[in-house]
Amino acid sequence: MPVSLEPDGDIPELNSRHNGVFLTECTFTEEYVKEQMQKLKPGKSPGLDGINPHVLNRCAEEMAKPLYIIYRKSLEEGKLPDDWKSARVVPVYKKGSKKAPEDITGMLDEGGGVDIIYLDYSKAFDSVPHQRLLSKLRAYGVDSKVLKWIHEFLIGRKQKVAVGKLGSEKIPHDSEEKDLGVLITEDGKASKQCAAATNKAMAKLRIIKRSFKYFNKESFSLLYKTYIRPHLEYCVQAWCPNYRKDIDMIEKVQRRATKLIPSLRSKEYTQRLKELKLYSLEWRRLRGDLIETFKILNGQEGIQEQTMFTRDENHLRGHSDKLFKPALKKGLNLNCRSKFFSIRVVNHWNSLPGNVVMAKYVHEFKNNIGSTNLDMGS
């Protein structure tokens, strides 16, 4: 998408406003380049080149000189690589609550559908008349190499809207899309995300297996919890598997990983977990659901409670913080909707003992869950 829109008609010449002062040269040093690189914030996203600012920041000492030479040559010749003229625009949510799913979930409850549409409007971006800008710069005394470089910088520029790894030139209507690293499919099922997470975890497992010849319990625990399990639990509240084949596929990663320890290889899976002080991934997902529910109900997630849950005011037995589980209409969306986080966790939460639910702090709640026999079939 071009960035400059020039109105029809000749561009008027502006009266000189430089008062005899001209800017014909732009001076900077290698040290200045290094200082600017060291000011880069490591937490920022990489540009179109894919180089993380953290790398540039840490390598400023080594990279300052070659970059200085490139910048100086660009300024002297008044030329820029095409990559320097490309920009990626990432939409930023500005108004309202992104965490209010009641409208969407309500439509699903009624048997309706929800579409996600990505639009690209050129009017959403500022358009600068470049020739008029150059004319004004000339009137203010910007001339010679500097003006030539600015002219080259402005012409032929392109920008596109980025949604995930796709740009606005090629965003298709598709049956699936990746949002914040999670595959969203039009049928709302998690099977493809389960397969993607499993593949990533298995790839890491193979790398670790090739890189280390021997594992003891301590080294395995560190490597597994750091490099493998996070792939199986990232944002899992949004895509928790509900089909047995998907549950078993994910669990298979941990089953295979725990066999890396020679002394445990011949033992049953449950025994391997016990000796490694691990839990099944299915149990950890339920635990994660309950911890997230505790945080929401206690105002620790920045999510309004009423957008996710409704308190059950008519409970007769159990603890006083029970949640109401809405009745779902039978239809195409029933199975999918019943597995949504805000629905699937209700029975588990309501069945918790009162001393667990009434914990004051998250760490206390976690400790109490660890000593509770959670019913996986609720």
Protein backbone atom coordinates (compact mmCIF):
# COMPACT_ATOMS: atom_id res chain seq x y z
CA MET A 1 0.00 0.00 0.00
CA PRO A 2 1.58 3.34 -1.02
CA VAL A 3 2.09 5.91 1.72
CA SER A 4 1.92 9.22 -0.18
CA LEU A 5 -1.13 10.77 -1.81
CA GLU A 6 -0.38 13.90 -3.86
CA PRO A 7 -3.30 16.26 -4.58
CA ASP A 8 -3.87 17.28 -8.19
CA GLY A 9 -2.26 20.46 -9.48
CA ASP A 10 1.17 22.07 -9.42
CA ILE A 11 3.03 22.35 -6.14
CA PRO A 12 3.48 26.04 -5.28
CA GLU A 13 6.98 27.35 -4.63
CA LEU A 14 7.45 28.57 -1.07
CA ASN A 15 9.35 31.69 -0.13
CA SER A 16 12.76 31.11 1.41
CA ARG A 17 12.67 30.89 5.18
CA HIS A 18 16.22 29.79 5.96
CA ASN A 19 17.69 33.26 6.72
CA GLY A 20 20.93 32.26 5.07
CA VAL A 21 21.35 29.11 7.19
CA PHE A 22 21.48 25.85 5.22
CA LEU A 23 21.55 22.22 6.23
CA THR A 24 23.61 20.47 3.58
CA GLU A 25 25.42 17.87 5.65
CA CYS A 26 24.40 15.46 8.38
CA THR A 27 27.21 14.49 10.72
CA PHE A 28 27.26 11.50 13.04
CA THR A 29 29.92 9.22 14.43
CA GLU A 30 30.48 5.54 15.08
CA GLU A 31 30.17 6.26 18.79
CA TYR A 32 26.76 7.86 18.23
CA VAL A 33 25.56 4.74 16.38
CA LYS A 34 26.71 2.58 19.28
CA GLU A 35 24.95 4.80 21.82
CA GLN A 36 21.68 4.59 19.89
CA MET A 37 21.93 0.80 19.71
CA GLN A 38 22.51 0.62 23.45
CA LYS A 39 19.34 2.63 24.00
CA LEU A 40 17.20 0.03 22.20
CA LYS A 41 14.67 -1.59 24.51
CA PRO A 42 15.20 -5.38 24.52
CA GLY A 43 11.50 -6.02 25.10
CA LYS A 44 10.39 -4.43 21.83
CA SER A 45 9.37 -6.48 18.80
CA PRO A 46 11.83 -7.04 15.94
CA GLY A 47 11.43 -5.19 12.65
CA LEU A 48 10.97 -6.64 9.17
CA ASP A 49 14.52 -8.01 9.30
CA GLY A 50 13.52 -10.26 12.21
CA ILE A 51 16.50 -9.18 14.33
CA ASN A 52 15.48 -8.82 17.95
CA PRO A 53 16.42 -5.46 19.55
CA HIS A 54 17.98 -7.44 22.39
CA VAL A 55 20.59 -8.80 19.95
CA LEU A 56 21.36 -5.32 18.60
CA ASN A 57 21.59 -3.94 22.11
CA ARG A 58 24.00 -6.60 23.34
CA CYS A 59 26.12 -6.52 20.16
CA ALA A 60 26.36 -2.72 19.89
CA GLU A 61 30.12 -2.72 20.44
CA GLU A 62 30.75 -5.14 17.55
CA MET A 63 28.09 -3.91 15.12
CA ALA A 64 28.44 -0.15 15.47
CA LYS A 65 31.31 0.19 12.98
CA PRO A 66 29.81 -1.80 10.04
CA LEU A 67 26.46 -0.10 10.56
CA TYR A 68 28.15 3.30 10.66
CA ILE A 69 29.84 2.55 7.32
CA ILE A 70 26.51 1.50 5.78
CA TYR A 71 24.69 4.60 7.06
CA ARG A 72 27.50 6.93 5.93
CA LYS A 73 27.55 5.40 2.44
CA SER A 74 23.76 5.68 2.21
CA LEU A 75 23.90 9.37 3.13
CA GLU A 76 26.81 10.16 0.80
CA GLU A 77 25.18 8.50 -2.22
CA GLY A 78 21.60 9.43 -1.36
CA LYS A 79 20.44 5.83 -1.79
CA LEU A 80 18.53 3.43 0.46
CA PRO A 81 17.90 -0.32 0.25
CA ASP A 82 14.29 -1.27 -0.50
CA ASP A 83 14.03 -2.96 2.90
CA TRP A 84 14.49 0.42 4.57
CA LYS A 85 11.40 1.69 2.75
CA SER A 86 9.05 -1.03 3.99
CA ALA A 87 6.96 -0.77 7.14
CA ARG A 88 4.77 -3.22 8.98
CA VAL A 89 1.74 -1.83 10.78
CA VAL A 90 0.39 -3.91 13.68
CA PRO A 91 -3.18 -3.07 14.80
CA VAL A 92 -3.41 -2.02 18.46
CA TYR A 93 -6.66 -2.36 20.39
CA LYS A 94 -7.58 1.10 21.72
CA LYS A 95 -11.13 1.17 23.07
CA GLY A 96 -13.46 -0.97 25.12
CA SER A 97 -12.75 -4.26 26.83
CA LYS A 98 -11.05 -7.04 24.91
CA LYS A 99 -11.83 -9.39 27.77
CA ALA A 100 -15.63 -9.25 27.54
CA PRO A 101 -16.75 -12.45 25.79
CA GLU A 102 -20.39 -12.33 26.83
CA ASP A 103 -21.64 -11.22 23.40
CA ILE A 104 -19.72 -13.92 21.53
CA THR A 105 -20.51 -16.71 23.94
CA GLY A 106 -24.14 -15.65 24.06
CA MET A 107 -24.40 -16.00 20.29
CA LEU A 108 -22.84 -19.46 20.48
CA ASP A 109 -25.32 -20.47 23.18
CA GLU A 110 -28.14 -19.45 20.85
CA GLY A 111 -26.74 -21.62 18.08
CA GLY A 112 -25.33 -18.71 16.08
CA GLY A 113 -21.92 -18.31 14.47
CA VAL A 114 -19.10 -15.85 15.01
CA ASP A 115 -16.87 -14.55 12.23
CA ILE A 116 -13.46 -12.92 12.60
CA ILE A 117 -12.69 -10.50 9.78
CA TYR A 118 -9.40 -8.68 9.20
CA LEU A 119 -9.81 -5.46 7.21
CA ASP A 120 -7.22 -3.14 5.68
CA TYR A 121 -8.26 0.50 5.19
CA SER A 122 -5.80 2.91 3.60
CA LYS A 123 -7.64 5.84 5.22
CA ALA A 124 -6.71 4.48 8.61
CA PHE A 125 -3.16 5.69 8.07
CA ASP A 126 -1.77 9.18 7.75
CA SER A 127 -0.99 10.18 4.18
CA VAL A 128 1.75 12.74 3.65
CA PRO A 129 2.05 14.72 0.36
CA HIS A 130 5.75 14.06 -0.13
CA GLN A 131 6.48 16.62 -2.85
CA ARG A 132 4.99 19.38 -0.74
CA LEU A 133 7.02 18.22 2.23
CA LEU A 134 10.25 18.34 0.17
CA SER A 135 9.36 21.78 -1.13
CA LYS A 136 8.87 23.05 2.42
CA LEU A 137 12.17 21.51 3.58
CA ARG A 138 13.97 23.23 0.70
CA ALA A 139 12.43 26.55 1.69
CA TYR A 140 13.77 26.08 5.23
CA GLY A 141 17.31 25.51 3.94
CA VAL A 142 17.53 21.72 3.85
CA ASP A 143 19.53 21.03 0.70
CA SER A 144 22.19 19.00 -1.07
CA LYS A 145 22.88 15.48 0.26
CA VAL A 146 20.41 15.70 3.12
CA LEU A 147 17.49 16.68 0.90
CA LYS A 148 18.45 14.02 -1.66
CA TRP A 149 18.54 11.37 1.06
CA ILE A 150 15.14 12.44 2.46
CA HIS A 151 13.70 12.40 -1.06
CA GLU A 152 15.01 8.87 -1.61
CA PHE A 153 13.65 7.83 1.80
CA LEU A 154 10.15 9.06 0.96
CA ILE A 155 9.66 7.74 -2.58
CA GLY A 156 8.62 4.17 -3.24
CA ARG A 157 7.71 3.43 0.35
CA LYS A 158 5.33 0.61 1.19
CA GLN A 159 3.51 -0.51 4.30
CA LYS A 160 1.20 -3.34 5.14
CA VAL A 161 -1.00 -4.40 8.01
CA ALA A 162 0.37 -7.44 9.83
CA VAL A 163 -1.87 -10.04 11.44
CA GLY A 164 0.34 -12.69 12.98
CA LYS A 165 2.86 -13.61 10.27
CA LEU A 166 0.54 -12.62 7.43
CA GLY A 167 0.56 -9.24 5.72
CA SER A 168 -2.33 -7.31 4.25
CA GLU A 169 -1.40 -8.28 0.67
CA LYS A 170 -2.09 -11.92 1.31
CA ILE A 171 -4.49 -12.30 4.23
CA PRO A 172 -6.94 -14.95 3.01
CA HIS A 173 -10.32 -16.08 4.17
CA ASP A 174 -9.32 -19.30 5.83
CA SER A 175 -10.70 -21.97 8.08
CA GLU A 176 -7.99 -21.29 10.66
CA GLU A 177 -5.84 -18.44 11.93
CA LYS A 178 -3.09 -18.14 14.51
CA ASP A 179 -3.82 -15.59 17.21
CA LEU A 180 -1.22 -14.97 19.93
CA GLY A 181 0.39 -18.30 19.07
CA VAL A 182 -2.84 -20.32 19.26
CA LEU A 183 -4.52 -21.87 16.21
CA ILE A 184 -8.17 -20.77 16.01
CA THR A 185 -10.29 -22.94 13.72
CA GLU A 186 -13.75 -22.18 12.39
CA ASP A 187 -15.25 -25.21 14.15
CA GLY A 188 -13.83 -24.10 17.51
CA LYS A 189 -12.08 -27.43 18.10
CA ALA A 190 -8.59 -27.69 19.54
CA SER A 191 -7.25 -30.71 17.63
CA LYS A 192 -4.97 -28.74 15.30
CA GLN A 193 -3.58 -26.66 18.15
CA CYS A 194 -2.97 -29.87 20.12
CA ALA A 195 -1.06 -31.33 17.18
CA ALA A 196 0.97 -28.12 16.73
CA ALA A 197 1.88 -27.97 20.42
CA THR A 198 2.80 -31.66 20.44
CA ASN A 199 5.03 -31.28 17.38
CA LYS A 200 6.91 -28.35 18.93
CA ALA A 201 7.42 -30.22 22.19
CA MET A 202 8.56 -33.38 20.42
CA ALA A 203 11.03 -31.38 18.35
CA LYS A 204 12.54 -29.95 21.54
CA LEU A 205 12.63 -33.42 23.07
CA ARG A 206 14.59 -34.78 20.09
CA ILE A 207 17.09 -31.93 20.30
CA ILE A 208 17.65 -32.53 24.01
CA LYS A 209 17.99 -36.27 23.43
CA ARG A 210 20.70 -35.67 20.82
CA SER A 211 22.51 -33.08 22.92
CA PHE A 212 22.83 -35.04 26.18
CA LYS A 213 24.14 -38.57 26.57
CA TYR A 214 22.98 -39.13 30.13
CA PHE A 215 20.12 -37.88 32.31
CA ASN A 216 19.59 -38.08 36.04
CA LYS A 217 16.41 -36.96 37.76
CA GLU A 218 17.65 -33.45 38.49
CA SER A 219 18.98 -32.64 35.00
CA PHE A 220 15.91 -34.15 33.34
CA SER A 221 13.54 -32.15 35.54
CA LEU A 222 15.31 -28.90 34.72
CA LEU A 223 15.43 -29.50 30.95
CA TYR A 224 11.90 -30.85 30.71
CA LYS A 225 10.26 -28.07 32.70
CA THR A 226 12.23 -25.37 30.88
CA TYR A 227 12.18 -26.45 27.23
CA ILE A 228 9.44 -29.03 26.66
CA ARG A 229 6.46 -28.67 29.00
CA PRO A 230 5.89 -24.95 28.31
CA HIS A 231 4.97 -25.80 24.69
CA LEU A 232 2.24 -28.14 25.97
CA GLU A 233 0.77 -25.63 28.42
CA TYR A 234 1.09 -22.25 26.71
CA CYS A 235 -2.28 -20.47 26.89
CA VAL A 236 -3.89 -23.87 27.45
CA GLN A 237 -6.99 -22.35 29.09
CA ALA A 238 -7.93 -21.19 25.57
CA TRP A 239 -7.43 -24.52 23.79
CA CYS A 240 -7.71 -27.28 26.41
CA PRO A 241 -8.18 -30.61 24.56
CA ASN A 242 -11.50 -32.36 25.06
CA TYR A 243 -11.15 -35.41 22.79
CA ARG A 244 -9.42 -38.43 24.27
CA LYS A 245 -7.20 -38.80 21.20
CA ASP A 246 -5.90 -35.24 21.71
CA ILE A 247 -5.46 -35.73 25.45
CA ASP A 248 -3.47 -38.91 24.85
CA MET A 249 -1.42 -37.30 22.09
CA ILE A 250 -0.23 -34.53 24.42
CA GLU A 251 0.34 -36.89 27.33
CA LYS A 252 2.45 -39.09 25.06
CA VAL A 253 5.14 -36.40 25.02
CA GLN A 254 5.59 -36.61 28.77
CA ARG A 255 5.37 -40.40 28.69
CA ARG A 256 8.21 -40.55 26.19
CA ALA A 257 10.26 -37.86 27.90
CA THR A 258 10.26 -39.58 31.28
CA LYS A 259 11.85 -42.65 29.67
CA LEU A 260 15.04 -40.70 29.04
CA ILE A 261 16.21 -41.58 32.55
CA PRO A 262 17.76 -45.08 32.36
CA SER A 263 16.78 -46.06 35.91
CA LEU A 264 13.10 -45.30 35.24
CA ARG A 265 12.75 -46.62 31.70
CA SER A 266 11.26 -49.98 32.64
CA LYS A 267 8.80 -48.64 35.22
CA GLU A 268 5.15 -47.77 34.71
CA TYR A 269 4.26 -44.20 33.73
CA THR A 270 2.53 -43.42 37.03
CA GLN A 271 5.56 -44.68 38.96
CA ARG A 272 7.92 -42.58 36.82
CA LEU A 273 5.84 -39.50 37.57
CA LYS A 274 5.86 -40.26 41.27
CA GLU A 275 9.64 -40.61 41.44
CA LEU A 276 10.14 -37.43 39.40
CA LYS A 277 7.56 -35.55 41.49
CA LEU A 278 5.53 -34.76 38.37
CA TYR A 279 1.81 -34.87 37.64
CA SER A 280 0.03 -35.92 34.48
CA LEU A 281 -0.50 -33.07 32.02
CA GLU A 282 -4.25 -33.68 32.16
CA TRP A 283 -4.20 -33.09 35.92
CA ARG A 284 -2.05 -29.97 35.50
CA ARG A 285 -4.53 -28.51 32.99
CA LEU A 286 -7.37 -28.93 35.48
CA ARG A 287 -5.20 -27.41 38.20
CA GLY A 288 -4.41 -24.48 35.88
CA ASP A 289 -8.13 -23.94 35.20
CA LEU A 290 -8.87 -23.80 38.90
CA ILE A 291 -6.01 -21.42 39.63
CA GLU A 292 -7.16 -19.11 36.84
CA THR A 293 -10.72 -19.22 38.21
CA PHE A 294 -9.43 -18.33 41.68
CA LYS A 295 -7.55 -15.35 40.28
CA ILE A 296 -10.56 -14.07 38.34
CA LEU A 297 -12.96 -14.42 41.27
CA ASN A 298 -10.49 -12.62 43.53
CA GLY A 299 -9.82 -9.76 41.10
CA GLN A 300 -6.22 -10.71 40.35
CA GLU A 301 -6.41 -11.01 36.55
CA GLY A 302 -7.82 -7.67 35.46
CA ILE A 303 -10.90 -9.49 34.11
CA GLN A 304 -14.36 -8.54 35.24
CA GLU A 305 -15.84 -11.54 37.01
CA GLN A 306 -19.29 -11.15 35.46
CA THR A 307 -17.92 -11.51 31.94
CA MET A 308 -16.79 -15.04 32.73
CA PHE A 309 -18.85 -16.39 35.62
CA THR A 310 -22.14 -15.98 37.47
CA ARG A 311 -22.33 -16.68 41.19
CA ASP A 312 -24.81 -19.37 42.21
CA GLU A 313 -27.02 -17.75 44.86
CA ASN A 314 -29.19 -20.86 45.31
CA HIS A 315 -26.59 -23.39 46.41
CA LEU A 316 -27.60 -25.60 49.31
CA ARG A 317 -24.45 -27.58 50.04
CA GLY A 318 -20.72 -27.06 49.76
CA HIS A 319 -18.74 -23.82 49.92
CA SER A 320 -20.28 -20.36 49.57
CA ASP A 321 -18.45 -19.36 46.35
CA LYS A 322 -20.20 -21.75 44.00
CA LEU A 323 -20.68 -20.79 40.36
CA PHE A 324 -23.78 -21.10 38.22
CA LYS A 325 -23.50 -23.33 35.15
CA PRO A 326 -25.76 -22.13 32.33
CA ALA A 327 -27.88 -24.60 30.43
CA LEU A 328 -26.71 -24.95 26.83
CA LYS A 329 -29.13 -25.41 23.97
CA LYS A 330 -28.70 -28.58 22.03
CA GLY A 331 -27.22 -28.09 18.61
CA LEU A 332 -24.07 -27.95 16.54
CA ASN A 333 -22.16 -25.78 19.01
CA LEU A 334 -23.08 -27.67 22.20
CA ASN A 335 -20.00 -29.90 22.47
CA CYS A 336 -17.62 -27.09 21.53
CA ARG A 337 -19.20 -24.54 23.87
CA SER A 338 -19.37 -26.97 26.81
CA LYS A 339 -15.59 -27.24 26.70
CA PHE A 340 -14.98 -23.50 26.95
CA PHE A 341 -12.98 -22.53 30.02
CA SER A 342 -15.83 -20.64 31.73
CA ILE A 343 -18.13 -23.67 31.36
CA ARG A 344 -15.88 -26.70 31.82
CA VAL A 345 -14.36 -25.44 35.07
CA VAL A 346 -17.65 -24.81 36.92
CA ASN A 347 -18.30 -28.37 38.17
CA HIS A 348 -14.69 -28.79 39.26
CA TRP A 349 -14.75 -25.48 41.12
CA ASN A 350 -18.05 -26.21 42.83
CA SER A 351 -16.78 -29.59 44.05
CA LEU A 352 -13.71 -28.16 45.80
CA PRO A 353 -13.64 -28.25 49.60
CA GLY A 354 -14.40 -24.98 51.34
CA ASN A 355 -10.94 -24.64 52.88
CA VAL A 356 -9.39 -24.71 49.38
CA VAL A 357 -11.72 -22.10 47.86
CA MET A 358 -11.47 -19.74 50.81
CA ALA A 359 -7.69 -19.37 50.53
CA LYS A 360 -6.51 -15.76 50.78
CA TYR A 361 -3.53 -15.97 48.44
CA VAL A 362 -2.73 -17.73 45.17
CA HIS A 363 0.22 -19.66 46.62
CA GLU A 364 -2.03 -20.87 49.45
CA PHE A 365 -4.66 -21.98 46.93
CA LYS A 366 -2.03 -23.85 44.90
CA ASN A 367 -0.77 -25.67 47.99
CA ASN A 368 -4.32 -26.63 49.00
CA ILE A 369 -5.05 -28.03 45.51
CA GLY A 370 -1.93 -30.18 45.72
CA SER A 371 -3.40 -32.02 48.70
CA THR A 372 -6.89 -32.33 47.12
CA ASN A 373 -8.06 -35.36 45.16
CA LEU A 374 -9.34 -33.71 42.00
CA ASP A 375 -12.03 -35.60 40.08
CA MET A 376 -10.86 -35.65 36.46
CA GLY A 377 -14.24 -36.81 35.21
CA SER A 378 -16.43 -33.97 36.52
